[in-house]
Amino acid sequence: MSTTETGGVTGTSDLDYDILWFTEACLSNALRLEGYIQDAERAGDQELADFFRRAQHESRKGAEQGKQMLARRLSV
């Protein structure tokens, strides 16, 4: 991991980039988990489906928090 890039290369500060990355990762995870939920349901494993639903809920929550934080920081 580079310790020298602070936005000069990307044009985006490291902290804004970090929030963007986190938010995208949470959204991507929520989408991926939807497939896992469907797989578990097709296999009749409700316990696993519920486990993935809880994880998906947390991913959605993280994405929303990331979007809110990014909006606050970009509106300055």
PDB file of N, CA and C in Angstrom:
ATOM      1  N   MET A   1       0.839  -1.168   0.000  1.00  0.00           N
ATOM      2  CA  MET A   1       0.000   0.000   0.000  1.00  0.00           C
ATOM      3  C   MET A   1       0.890   1.239   0.000  1.00  0.00           C
ATOM      4  N   SER A   2       0.596   2.153  -0.869  1.00  0.00           N
ATOM      5  CA  SER A   2       1.388   3.369  -0.970  1.00  0.00           C
ATOM      6  C   SER A   2       1.074   4.316   0.187  1.00  0.00           C
ATOM      7  N   THR A   3       2.122   4.953   0.676  1.00  0.00           N
ATOM      8  CA  THR A   3       1.912   5.930   1.745  1.00  0.00           C
ATOM      9  C   THR A   3       2.109   7.350   1.245  1.00  0.00           C
ATOM     10  N   THR A   4       2.325   7.502  -0.073  1.00  0.00           N
ATOM     11  CA  THR A   4       2.610   8.832  -0.590  1.00  0.00           C
ATOM     12  C   THR A   4       1.471   9.435  -1.394  1.00  0.00           C
ATOM     13  N   GLU A   5       0.547   8.648  -1.909  1.00  0.00           N
ATOM     14  CA  GLU A   5      -0.550   9.179  -2.726  1.00  0.00           C
ATOM     15  C   GLU A   5      -1.560   9.865  -1.819  1.00  0.00           C
ATOM     16  N   THR A   6      -1.779  11.133  -2.024  1.00  0.00           N
ATOM     17  CA  THR A   6      -2.764  11.883  -1.232  1.00  0.00           C
ATOM     18  C   THR A   6      -3.762  12.602  -2.119  1.00  0.00           C
ATOM     19  N   GLY A   7      -3.938  12.102  -3.317  1.00  0.00           N
ATOM     20  CA  GLY A   7      -4.903  12.687  -4.236  1.00  0.00           C
ATOM     21  C   GLY A   7      -4.273  13.326  -5.447  1.00  0.00           C
ATOM     22  N   GLY A   8      -2.948  13.446  -5.466  1.00  0.00           N
ATOM     23  CA  GLY A   8      -2.288  14.045  -6.619  1.00  0.00           C
ATOM     24  C   GLY A   8      -2.461  13.236  -7.886  1.00  0.00           C
ATOM     25  N   VAL A   9      -2.446  11.927  -7.769  1.00  0.00           N
ATOM     26  CA  VAL A   9      -2.593  11.056  -8.939  1.00  0.00           C
ATOM     27  C   VAL A   9      -4.045  10.922  -9.339  1.00  0.00           C
ATOM     28  N   THR A  10      -4.919  10.670  -8.348  1.00  0.00           N
ATOM     29  CA  THR A  10      -6.329  10.420  -8.659  1.00  0.00           C
ATOM     30  C   THR A  10      -7.168  11.672  -8.759  1.00  0.00           C
ATOM     31  N   GLY A  11      -6.723  12.758  -8.149  1.00  0.00           N
ATOM     32  CA  GLY A  11      -7.529  13.971  -8.117  1.00  0.00           C
ATOM     33  C   GLY A  11      -8.584  13.936  -7.029  1.00  0.00           C
ATOM     34  N   THR A  12      -8.554  12.907  -6.206  1.00  0.00           N
ATOM     35  CA  THR A  12      -9.507  12.741  -5.117  1.00  0.00           C
ATOM     36  C   THR A  12      -8.715  12.494  -3.846  1.00  0.00           C
ATOM     37  N   SER A  13      -9.043  13.219  -2.798  1.00  0.00           N
ATOM     38  CA  SER A  13      -8.295  13.032  -1.553  1.00  0.00           C
ATOM     39  C   SER A  13      -8.433  11.595  -1.073  1.00  0.00           C
ATOM     40  N   ASP A  14      -7.434  11.134  -0.370  1.00  0.00           N
ATOM     41  CA  ASP A  14      -7.462   9.769   0.139  1.00  0.00           C
ATOM     42  C   ASP A  14      -8.711   9.499   0.972  1.00  0.00           C
ATOM     43  N   LEU A  15      -9.081  10.435   1.825  1.00  0.00           N
ATOM     44  CA  LEU A  15     -10.225  10.205   2.698  1.00  0.00           C
ATOM     45  C   LEU A  15     -11.526  10.103   1.911  1.00  0.00           C
ATOM     46  N   ASP A  16     -11.723  10.963   0.921  1.00  0.00           N
ATOM     47  CA  ASP A  16     -12.913  10.855   0.075  1.00  0.00           C
ATOM     48  C   ASP A  16     -12.902   9.552  -0.702  1.00  0.00           C
ATOM     49  N   TYR A  17     -11.738   9.189  -1.225  1.00  0.00           N
ATOM     50  CA  TYR A  17     -11.610   7.925  -1.957  1.00  0.00           C
ATOM     51  C   TYR A  17     -11.948   6.754  -1.038  1.00  0.00           C
ATOM     52  N   ASP A  18     -11.444   6.791   0.183  1.00  0.00           N
ATOM     53  CA  ASP A  18     -11.707   5.716   1.130  1.00  0.00           C
ATOM     54  C   ASP A  18     -13.202   5.560   1.395  1.00  0.00           C
ATOM     55  N   ILE A  19     -13.907   6.674   1.546  1.00  0.00           N
ATOM     56  CA  ILE A  19     -15.359   6.612   1.763  1.00  0.00           C
ATOM     57  C   ILE A  19     -16.045   6.061   0.517  1.00  0.00           C
ATOM     58  N   LEU A  20     -15.626   6.511  -0.658  1.00  0.00           N
ATOM     59  CA  LEU A  20     -16.198   5.995  -1.899  1.00  0.00           C
ATOM     60  C   LEU A  20     -15.985   4.493  -2.014  1.00  0.00           C
ATOM     61  N   TRP A  21     -14.763   4.051  -1.735  1.00  0.00           N
ATOM     62  CA  TRP A  21     -14.450   2.625  -1.838  1.00  0.00           C
ATOM     63  C   TRP A  21     -15.300   1.833  -0.860  1.00  0.00           C
ATOM     64  N   PHE A  22     -15.375   2.293   0.389  1.00  0.00           N
ATOM     65  CA  PHE A  22     -16.146   1.594   1.415  1.00  0.00           C
ATOM     66  C   PHE A  22     -17.609   1.468   0.999  1.00  0.00           C
ATOM     67  N   THR A  23     -18.177   2.559   0.509  1.00  0.00           N
ATOM     68  CA  THR A  23     -19.586   2.567   0.108  1.00  0.00           C
ATOM     69  C   THR A  23     -19.820   1.592  -1.044  1.00  0.00           C
ATOM     70  N   GLU A  24     -18.943   1.623  -2.024  1.00  0.00           N
ATOM     71  CA  GLU A  24     -19.069   0.704  -3.160  1.00  0.00           C
ATOM     72  C   GLU A  24     -18.933  -0.739  -2.705  1.00  0.00           C
ATOM     73  N   ALA A  25     -18.008  -1.008  -1.807  1.00  0.00           N
ATOM     74  CA  ALA A  25     -17.808  -2.370  -1.314  1.00  0.00           C
ATOM     75  C   ALA A  25     -19.050  -2.864  -0.576  1.00  0.00           C
ATOM     76  N   CYS A  26     -19.660  -2.001   0.216  1.00  0.00           N
ATOM     77  CA  CYS A  26     -20.887  -2.373   0.926  1.00  0.00           C
ATOM     78  C   CYS A  26     -22.028  -2.672  -0.053  1.00  0.00           C
ATOM     79  N   LEU A  27     -22.188  -1.814  -1.064  1.00  0.00           N
ATOM     80  CA  LEU A  27     -23.241  -2.028  -2.058  1.00  0.00           C
ATOM     81  C   LEU A  27     -23.000  -3.311  -2.842  1.00  0.00           C
ATOM     82  N   SER A  28     -21.769  -3.540  -3.236  1.00  0.00           N
ATOM     83  CA  SER A  28     -21.409  -4.756  -3.962  1.00  0.00           C
ATOM     84  C   SER A  28     -21.677  -5.991  -3.112  1.00  0.00           C
ATOM     85  N   ASN A  29     -21.334  -5.904  -1.852  1.00  0.00           N
ATOM     86  CA  ASN A  29     -21.559  -7.023  -0.941  1.00  0.00           C
ATOM     87  C   ASN A  29     -23.052  -7.310  -0.794  1.00  0.00           C
ATOM     88  N   ALA A  30     -23.870  -6.261  -0.689  1.00  0.00           N
ATOM     89  CA  ALA A  30     -25.317  -6.456  -0.569  1.00  0.00           C
ATOM     90  C   ALA A  30     -25.866  -7.183  -1.801  1.00  0.00           C
ATOM     91  N   LEU A  31     -25.362  -6.821  -2.973  1.00  0.00           N
ATOM     92  CA  LEU A  31     -25.796  -7.500  -4.198  1.00  0.00           C
ATOM     93  C   LEU A  31     -25.354  -8.956  -4.217  1.00  0.00           C
ATOM     94  N   ARG A  32     -24.119  -9.215  -3.868  1.00  0.00           N
ATOM     95  CA  ARG A  32     -23.590 -10.583  -3.849  1.00  0.00           C
ATOM     96  C   ARG A  32     -24.362 -11.447  -2.857  1.00  0.00           C
ATOM     97  N   LEU A  33     -24.671 -10.880  -1.693  1.00  0.00           N
ATOM     98  CA  LEU A  33     -25.387 -11.632  -0.673  1.00  0.00           C
ATOM     99  C   LEU A  33     -26.785 -12.028  -1.126  1.00  0.00           C
ATOM    100  N   GLU A  34     -27.378 -11.240  -2.014  1.00  0.00           N
ATOM    101  CA  GLU A  34     -28.707 -11.606  -2.539  1.00  0.00           C
ATOM    102  C   GLU A  34     -28.645 -12.964  -3.221  1.00  0.00           C
ATOM    103  N   GLY A  35     -27.588 -13.197  -3.989  1.00  0.00           N
ATOM    104  CA  GLY A  35     -27.412 -14.501  -4.623  1.00  0.00           C
ATOM    105  C   GLY A  35     -27.205 -15.608  -3.610  1.00  0.00           C
ATOM    106  N   TYR A  36     -26.467 -15.321  -2.571  1.00  0.00           N
ATOM    107  CA  TYR A  36     -26.236 -16.316  -1.518  1.00  0.00           C
ATOM    108  C   TYR A  36     -27.535 -16.655  -0.797  1.00  0.00           C
ATOM    109  N   ILE A  37     -28.365 -15.649  -0.564  1.00  0.00           N
ATOM    110  CA  ILE A  37     -29.669 -15.876   0.065  1.00  0.00           C
ATOM    111  C   ILE A  37     -30.511 -16.801  -0.801  1.00  0.00           C
ATOM    112  N   GLN A  38     -30.547 -16.517  -2.093  1.00  0.00           N
ATOM    113  CA  GLN A  38     -31.327 -17.352  -3.006  1.00  0.00           C
ATOM    114  C   GLN A  38     -30.794 -18.777  -3.057  1.00  0.00           C
ATOM    115  N   ASP A  39     -29.459 -18.926  -3.050  1.00  0.00           N
ATOM    116  CA  ASP A  39     -28.864 -20.271  -3.031  1.00  0.00           C
ATOM    117  C   ASP A  39     -29.298 -21.041  -1.784  1.00  0.00           C
ATOM    118  N   ALA A  40     -29.227 -20.381  -0.629  1.00  0.00           N
ATOM    119  CA  ALA A  40     -29.606 -21.036   0.618  1.00  0.00           C
ATOM    120  C   ALA A  40     -31.082 -21.402   0.620  1.00  0.00           C
ATOM    121  N   GLU A  41     -31.921 -20.507   0.099  1.00  0.00           N
ATOM    122  CA  GLU A  41     -33.356 -20.793   0.053  1.00  0.00           C
ATOM    123  C   GLU A  41     -33.647 -21.960  -0.869  1.00  0.00           C
ATOM    124  N   ARG A  42     -32.982 -22.006  -2.025  1.00  0.00           N
ATOM    125  CA  ARG A  42     -33.181 -23.137  -2.947  1.00  0.00           C
ATOM    126  C   ARG A  42     -32.765 -24.455  -2.301  1.00  0.00           C
ATOM    127  N   ALA A  43     -31.754 -24.403  -1.449  1.00  0.00           N
ATOM    128  CA  ALA A  43     -31.278 -25.605  -0.771  1.00  0.00           C
ATOM    129  C   ALA A  43     -32.104 -25.919   0.476  1.00  0.00           C
ATOM    130  N   GLY A  44     -33.064 -25.053   0.822  1.00  0.00           N
ATOM    131  CA  GLY A  44     -33.913 -25.277   1.977  1.00  0.00           C
ATOM    132  C   GLY A  44     -33.221 -24.992   3.305  1.00  0.00           C
ATOM    133  N   ASP A  45     -32.171 -24.205   3.271  1.00  0.00           N
ATOM    134  CA  ASP A  45     -31.416 -23.892   4.487  1.00  0.00           C
ATOM    135  C   ASP A  45     -31.806 -22.493   4.969  1.00  0.00           C
ATOM    136  N   GLN A  46     -32.872 -22.432   5.743  1.00  0.00           N
ATOM    137  CA  GLN A  46     -33.396 -21.150   6.216  1.00  0.00           C
ATOM    138  C   GLN A  46     -32.438 -20.473   7.184  1.00  0.00           C
ATOM    139  N   GLU A  47     -31.737 -21.258   7.988  1.00  0.00           N
ATOM    140  CA  GLU A  47     -30.783 -20.681   8.932  1.00  0.00           C
ATOM    141  C   GLU A  47     -29.700 -19.902   8.195  1.00  0.00           C
ATOM    142  N   LEU A  48     -29.171 -20.493   7.134  1.00  0.00           N
ATOM    143  CA  LEU A  48     -28.132 -19.823   6.352  1.00  0.00           C
ATOM    144  C   LEU A  48     -28.701 -18.615   5.602  1.00  0.00           C
ATOM    145  N   ALA A  49     -29.902 -18.759   5.063  1.00  0.00           N
ATOM    146  CA  ALA A  49     -30.542 -17.635   4.373  1.00  0.00           C
ATOM    147  C   ALA A  49     -30.725 -16.456   5.326  1.00  0.00           C
ATOM    148  N   ASP A  50     -31.156 -16.743   6.543  1.00  0.00           N
ATOM    149  CA  ASP A  50     -31.330 -15.682   7.534  1.00  0.00           C
ATOM    150  C   ASP A  50     -29.991 -15.050   7.913  1.00  0.00           C
ATOM    151  N   PHE A  51     -28.959 -15.868   8.038  1.00  0.00           N
ATOM    152  CA  PHE A  51     -27.618 -15.362   8.323  1.00  0.00           C
ATOM    153  C   PHE A  51     -27.177 -14.386   7.238  1.00  0.00           C
ATOM    154  N   PHE A  52     -27.382 -14.760   5.969  1.00  0.00           N
ATOM    155  CA  PHE A  52     -26.998 -13.884   4.864  1.00  0.00           C
ATOM    156  C   PHE A  52     -27.878 -12.632   4.814  1.00  0.00           C
ATOM    157  N   ARG A  53     -29.132 -12.744   5.184  1.00  0.00           N
ATOM    158  CA  ARG A  53     -30.009 -11.565   5.245  1.00  0.00           C
ATOM    159  C   ARG A  53     -29.505 -10.558   6.280  1.00  0.00           C
ATOM    160  N   ARG A  54     -29.082 -11.060   7.429  1.00  0.00           N
ATOM    161  CA  ARG A  54     -28.554 -10.163   8.460  1.00  0.00           C
ATOM    162  C   ARG A  54     -27.282  -9.480   7.963  1.00  0.00           C
ATOM    163  N   ALA A  55     -26.432 -10.238   7.304  1.00  0.00           N
ATOM    164  CA  ALA A  55     -25.200  -9.665   6.751  1.00  0.00           C
ATOM    165  C   ALA A  55     -25.535  -8.633   5.676  1.00  0.00           C
ATOM    166  N   GLN A  56     -26.527  -8.918   4.850  1.00  0.00           N
ATOM    167  CA  GLN A  56     -26.948  -7.992   3.802  1.00  0.00           C
ATOM    168  C   GLN A  56     -27.490  -6.708   4.424  1.00  0.00           C
ATOM    169  N   HIS A  57     -28.244  -6.848   5.486  1.00  0.00           N
ATOM    170  CA  HIS A  57     -28.771  -5.668   6.187  1.00  0.00           C
ATOM    171  C   HIS A  57     -27.625  -4.779   6.670  1.00  0.00           C
ATOM    172  N   GLU A  58     -26.607  -5.377   7.245  1.00  0.00           N
ATOM    173  CA  GLU A  58     -25.457  -4.612   7.730  1.00  0.00           C
ATOM    174  C   GLU A  58     -24.707  -3.951   6.579  1.00  0.00           C
ATOM    175  N   SER A  59     -24.604  -4.633   5.445  1.00  0.00           N
ATOM    176  CA  SER A  59     -23.947  -4.044   4.275  1.00  0.00           C
ATOM    177  C   SER A  59     -24.732  -2.844   3.761  1.00  0.00           C
ATOM    178  N   ARG A  60     -26.051  -2.982   3.708  1.00  0.00           N
ATOM    179  CA  ARG A  60     -26.887  -1.852   3.288  1.00  0.00           C
ATOM    180  C   ARG A  60     -26.734  -0.682   4.246  1.00  0.00           C
ATOM    181  N   LYS A  61     -26.701  -0.999   5.544  1.00  0.00           N
ATOM    182  CA  LYS A  61     -26.537   0.042   6.556  1.00  0.00           C
ATOM    183  C   LYS A  61     -25.189   0.758   6.366  1.00  0.00           C
ATOM    184  N   GLY A  62     -24.139   0.013   6.142  1.00  0.00           N
ATOM    185  CA  GLY A  62     -22.828   0.615   5.906  1.00  0.00           C
ATOM    186  C   GLY A  62     -22.826   1.487   4.670  1.00  0.00           C
ATOM    187  N   ALA A  63     -23.493   1.035   3.611  1.00  0.00           N
ATOM    188  CA  ALA A  63     -23.569   1.822   2.375  1.00  0.00           C
ATOM    189  C   ALA A  63     -24.304   3.129   2.614  1.00  0.00           C
ATOM    190  N   GLU A  64     -25.408   3.076   3.345  1.00  0.00           N
ATOM    191  CA  GLU A  64     -26.158   4.299   3.633  1.00  0.00           C
ATOM    192  C   GLU A  64     -25.332   5.265   4.462  1.00  0.00           C
ATOM    193  N   GLN A  65     -24.639   4.747   5.453  1.00  0.00           N
ATOM    194  CA  GLN A  65     -23.799   5.609   6.278  1.00  0.00           C
ATOM    195  C   GLN A  65     -22.675   6.221   5.447  1.00  0.00           C
ATOM    196  N   GLY A  66     -22.091   5.434   4.558  1.00  0.00           N
ATOM    197  CA  GLY A  66     -21.039   5.944   3.687  1.00  0.00           C
ATOM    198  C   GLY A  66     -21.557   7.036   2.766  1.00  0.00           C
ATOM    199  N   LYS A  67     -22.750   6.838   2.192  1.00  0.00           N
ATOM    200  CA  LYS A  67     -23.331   7.850   1.314  1.00  0.00           C
ATOM    201  C   LYS A  67     -23.610   9.138   2.066  1.00  0.00           C
ATOM    202  N   GLN A  68     -24.127   9.014   3.285  1.00  0.00           N
ATOM    203  CA  GLN A  68     -24.414  10.203   4.083  1.00  0.00           C
ATOM    204  C   GLN A  68     -23.132  10.958   4.428  1.00  0.00           C
ATOM    205  N   MET A  69     -22.108  10.214   4.808  1.00  0.00           N
ATOM    206  CA  MET A  69     -20.850  10.860   5.165  1.00  0.00           C
ATOM    207  C   MET A  69     -20.229  11.544   3.954  1.00  0.00           C
ATOM    208  N   LEU A  70     -20.267  10.875   2.835  1.00  0.00           N
ATOM    209  CA  LEU A  70     -19.711  11.456   1.608  1.00  0.00           C
ATOM    210  C   LEU A  70     -20.482  12.709   1.214  1.00  0.00           C
ATOM    211  N   ALA A  71     -21.793  12.670   1.310  1.00  0.00           N
ATOM    212  CA  ALA A  71     -22.610  13.839   0.970  1.00  0.00           C
ATOM    213  C   ALA A  71     -22.263  15.031   1.863  1.00  0.00           C
ATOM    214  N   ARG A  72     -22.107  14.768   3.142  1.00  0.00           N
ATOM    215  CA  ARG A  72     -21.741  15.854   4.057  1.00  0.00           C
ATOM    216  C   ARG A  72     -20.390  16.443   3.695  1.00  0.00           C
ATOM    217  N   ARG A  73     -19.438  15.609   3.385  1.00  0.00           N
ATOM    218  CA  ARG A  73     -18.082  16.067   3.121  1.00  0.00           C
ATOM    219  C   ARG A  73     -17.967  16.766   1.757  1.00  0.00           C
ATOM    220  N   LEU A  74     -18.761  16.346   0.790  1.00  0.00           N
ATOM    221  CA  LEU A  74     -18.684  16.954  -0.533  1.00  0.00           C
ATOM    222  C   LEU A  74     -19.479  18.238  -0.634  1.00  0.00           C
ATOM    223  N   SER A  75     -20.385  18.466   0.290  1.00  0.00           N
ATOM    224  CA  SER A  75     -21.213  19.673   0.244  1.00  0.00           C
ATOM    225  C   SER A  75     -20.534  20.864   0.917  1.00  0.00           C
ATOM    226  N   VAL A  76     -19.355  20.638   1.443  1.00  0.00           N
ATOM    227  CA  VAL A  76     -18.632  21.717   2.144  1.00  0.00           C
ATOM    228  C   VAL A  76     -18.050  22.681   1.146  1.00  0.00           C
TER     229      VAL A  76
END
